[in-house]
């Protein structure tokens, strides 16, 4: 397997606009050595959510709202917590 050439040195840019213009016309793989890349964990990113419609009997929803009120959390958040706990005990 042929050895890949060393990456080109990154140029310095005077402005963000100049950097944008550069990367619009150049391939980043020529400037990066992906063999030294590390996985990054971004724990503070908010996960993507999707809205759903869920019909519940009134007495069940009232019970959930009462339990949420005791815990001082929104009832929809409590439902998500309970679902997560049930899915991943």
C-alpha atoms as a PDB file:
ATOM      1  CA  UNK A   1       0.000   0.000   0.000  1.00  0.00           C
ATOM      2  CA  UNK A   2       1.587   3.306  -1.012  1.00  0.00           C
ATOM      3  CA  UNK A   3       2.301   5.771   1.728  1.00  0.00           C
ATOM      4  CA  UNK A   4       0.266   8.956   1.642  1.00  0.00           C
ATOM      5  CA  UNK A   5       2.195  12.198   1.281  1.00  0.00           C
ATOM      6  CA  UNK A   6       2.388  14.492   4.286  1.00  0.00           C
ATOM      7  CA  UNK A   7      -0.475  16.966   4.442  1.00  0.00           C
ATOM      8  CA  UNK A   8       0.032  20.461   3.127  1.00  0.00           C
ATOM      9  CA  UNK A   9       0.504  23.145   5.788  1.00  0.00           C
ATOM     10  CA  UNK A  10      -2.613  25.152   6.574  1.00  0.00           C
ATOM     11  CA  UNK A  11      -2.454  28.716   5.267  1.00  0.00           C
ATOM     12  CA  UNK A  12      -3.139  31.657   7.543  1.00  0.00           C
ATOM     13  CA  UNK A  13      -6.095  33.856   6.728  1.00  0.00           C
ATOM     14  CA  UNK A  14      -6.541  37.568   7.353  1.00  0.00           C
ATOM     15  CA  UNK A  15     -10.323  37.378   7.514  1.00  0.00           C
ATOM     16  CA  UNK A  16     -13.046  34.810   7.945  1.00  0.00           C
ATOM     17  CA  UNK A  17     -14.285  35.711   4.447  1.00  0.00           C
ATOM     18  CA  UNK A  18     -10.861  34.869   3.010  1.00  0.00           C
ATOM     19  CA  UNK A  19     -10.918  31.519   4.784  1.00  0.00           C
ATOM     20  CA  UNK A  20     -14.414  30.767   3.463  1.00  0.00           C
ATOM     21  CA  UNK A  21     -13.305  31.632  -0.077  1.00  0.00           C
ATOM     22  CA  UNK A  22     -10.266  29.379   0.256  1.00  0.00           C
ATOM     23  CA  UNK A  23     -12.192  26.338   1.493  1.00  0.00           C
ATOM     24  CA  UNK A  24     -14.847  26.838  -1.180  1.00  0.00           C
ATOM     25  CA  UNK A  25     -12.200  26.071  -3.810  1.00  0.00           C
ATOM     26  CA  UNK A  26      -9.847  23.635  -2.025  1.00  0.00           C
ATOM     27  CA  UNK A  27     -10.114  20.045  -0.840  1.00  0.00           C
ATOM     28  CA  UNK A  28      -9.596  19.760   2.930  1.00  0.00           C
ATOM     29  CA  UNK A  29      -8.212  16.207   2.621  1.00  0.00           C
ATOM     30  CA  UNK A  30      -5.000  17.668   1.209  1.00  0.00           C
ATOM     31  CA  UNK A  31      -4.487  19.576   4.464  1.00  0.00           C
ATOM     32  CA  UNK A  32      -5.537  16.963   7.040  1.00  0.00           C
ATOM     33  CA  UNK A  33      -3.949  13.739   8.245  1.00  0.00           C
ATOM     34  CA  UNK A  34      -6.994  11.656   9.123  1.00  0.00           C
ATOM     35  CA  UNK A  35      -4.810   8.871  10.545  1.00  0.00           C
ATOM     36  CA  UNK A  36      -4.273  11.082  13.607  1.00  0.00           C
ATOM     37  CA  UNK A  37      -7.950  12.008  13.980  1.00  0.00           C
ATOM     38  CA  UNK A  38      -9.636  11.323  17.314  1.00  0.00           C
ATOM     39  CA  UNK A  39     -13.306  10.808  18.095  1.00  0.00           C
ATOM     40  CA  UNK A  40     -14.816  13.837  19.825  1.00  0.00           C
ATOM     41  CA  UNK A  41     -17.682  13.635  22.295  1.00  0.00           C
ATOM     42  CA  UNK A  42     -19.926  16.696  22.518  1.00  0.00           C
ATOM     43  CA  UNK A  43     -22.070  15.987  25.585  1.00  0.00           C
ATOM     44  CA  UNK A  44     -23.810  19.356  25.694  1.00  0.00           C
ATOM     45  CA  UNK A  45     -25.430  19.107  22.272  1.00  0.00           C
ATOM     46  CA  UNK A  46     -29.187  18.934  22.390  1.00  0.00           C
ATOM     47  CA  UNK A  47     -30.439  15.733  20.742  1.00  0.00           C
ATOM     48  CA  UNK A  48     -32.740  15.998  17.754  1.00  0.00           C
ATOM     49  CA  UNK A  49     -36.357  15.602  18.760  1.00  0.00           C
ATOM     50  CA  UNK A  50     -39.470  14.692  16.848  1.00  0.00           C
ATOM     51  CA  UNK A  51     -43.012  15.645  17.746  1.00  0.00           C
ATOM     52  CA  UNK A  52     -45.558  12.870  18.096  1.00  0.00           C
ATOM     53  CA  UNK A  53     -49.228  12.748  18.906  1.00  0.00           C
ATOM     54  CA  UNK A  54     -50.203  10.458  21.761  1.00  0.00           C
ATOM     55  CA  UNK A  55     -53.743   9.944  22.971  1.00  0.00           C
ATOM     56  CA  UNK A  56     -54.024   9.126  26.674  1.00  0.00           C
ATOM     57  CA  UNK A  57     -57.062   8.589  28.854  1.00  0.00           C
ATOM     58  CA  UNK A  58     -57.772  11.734  30.887  1.00  0.00           C
ATOM     59  CA  UNK A  59     -57.262   9.970  34.225  1.00  0.00           C
ATOM     60  CA  UNK A  60     -53.818   8.735  33.112  1.00  0.00           C
ATOM     61  CA  UNK A  61     -52.736  12.187  31.929  1.00  0.00           C
ATOM     62  CA  UNK A  62     -54.046  13.719  35.177  1.00  0.00           C
ATOM     63  CA  UNK A  63     -51.957  11.216  37.153  1.00  0.00           C
ATOM     64  CA  UNK A  64     -48.849  11.990  35.116  1.00  0.00           C
ATOM     65  CA  UNK A  65     -49.360  15.735  35.601  1.00  0.00           C
ATOM     66  CA  UNK A  66     -49.788  15.237  39.357  1.00  0.00           C
ATOM     67  CA  UNK A  67     -46.580  13.170  39.543  1.00  0.00           C
ATOM     68  CA  UNK A  68     -44.733  15.800  37.516  1.00  0.00           C
ATOM     69  CA  UNK A  69     -46.045  18.560  39.755  1.00  0.00           C
ATOM     70  CA  UNK A  70     -44.710  16.730  42.837  1.00  0.00           C
ATOM     71  CA  UNK A  71     -41.292  16.527  41.180  1.00  0.00           C
ATOM     72  CA  UNK A  72     -41.480  20.127  39.926  1.00  0.00           C
ATOM     73  CA  UNK A  73     -40.848  19.131  36.298  1.00  0.00           C
ATOM     74  CA  UNK A  74     -42.968  19.584  33.188  1.00  0.00           C
ATOM     75  CA  UNK A  75     -45.201  16.554  32.608  1.00  0.00           C
ATOM     76  CA  UNK A  76     -43.850  15.983  29.093  1.00  0.00           C
ATOM     77  CA  UNK A  77     -40.313  15.873  30.490  1.00  0.00           C
ATOM     78  CA  UNK A  78     -41.412  13.341  33.083  1.00  0.00           C
ATOM     79  CA  UNK A  79     -42.947  11.160  30.371  1.00  0.00           C
ATOM     80  CA  UNK A  80     -39.627  11.261  28.474  1.00  0.00           C
ATOM     81  CA  UNK A  81     -37.707  10.357  31.647  1.00  0.00           C
ATOM     82  CA  UNK A  82     -40.002   7.405  32.355  1.00  0.00           C
ATOM     83  CA  UNK A  83     -39.797   6.167  28.774  1.00  0.00           C
ATOM     84  CA  UNK A  84     -35.987   6.391  28.843  1.00  0.00           C
ATOM     85  CA  UNK A  85     -35.857   4.507  32.168  1.00  0.00           C
ATOM     86  CA  UNK A  86     -38.127   1.792  30.803  1.00  0.00           C
ATOM     87  CA  UNK A  87     -36.203   1.447  27.568  1.00  0.00           C
ATOM     88  CA  UNK A  88     -32.761   1.397  29.223  1.00  0.00           C
ATOM     89  CA  UNK A  89     -33.234   0.061  32.790  1.00  0.00           C
END
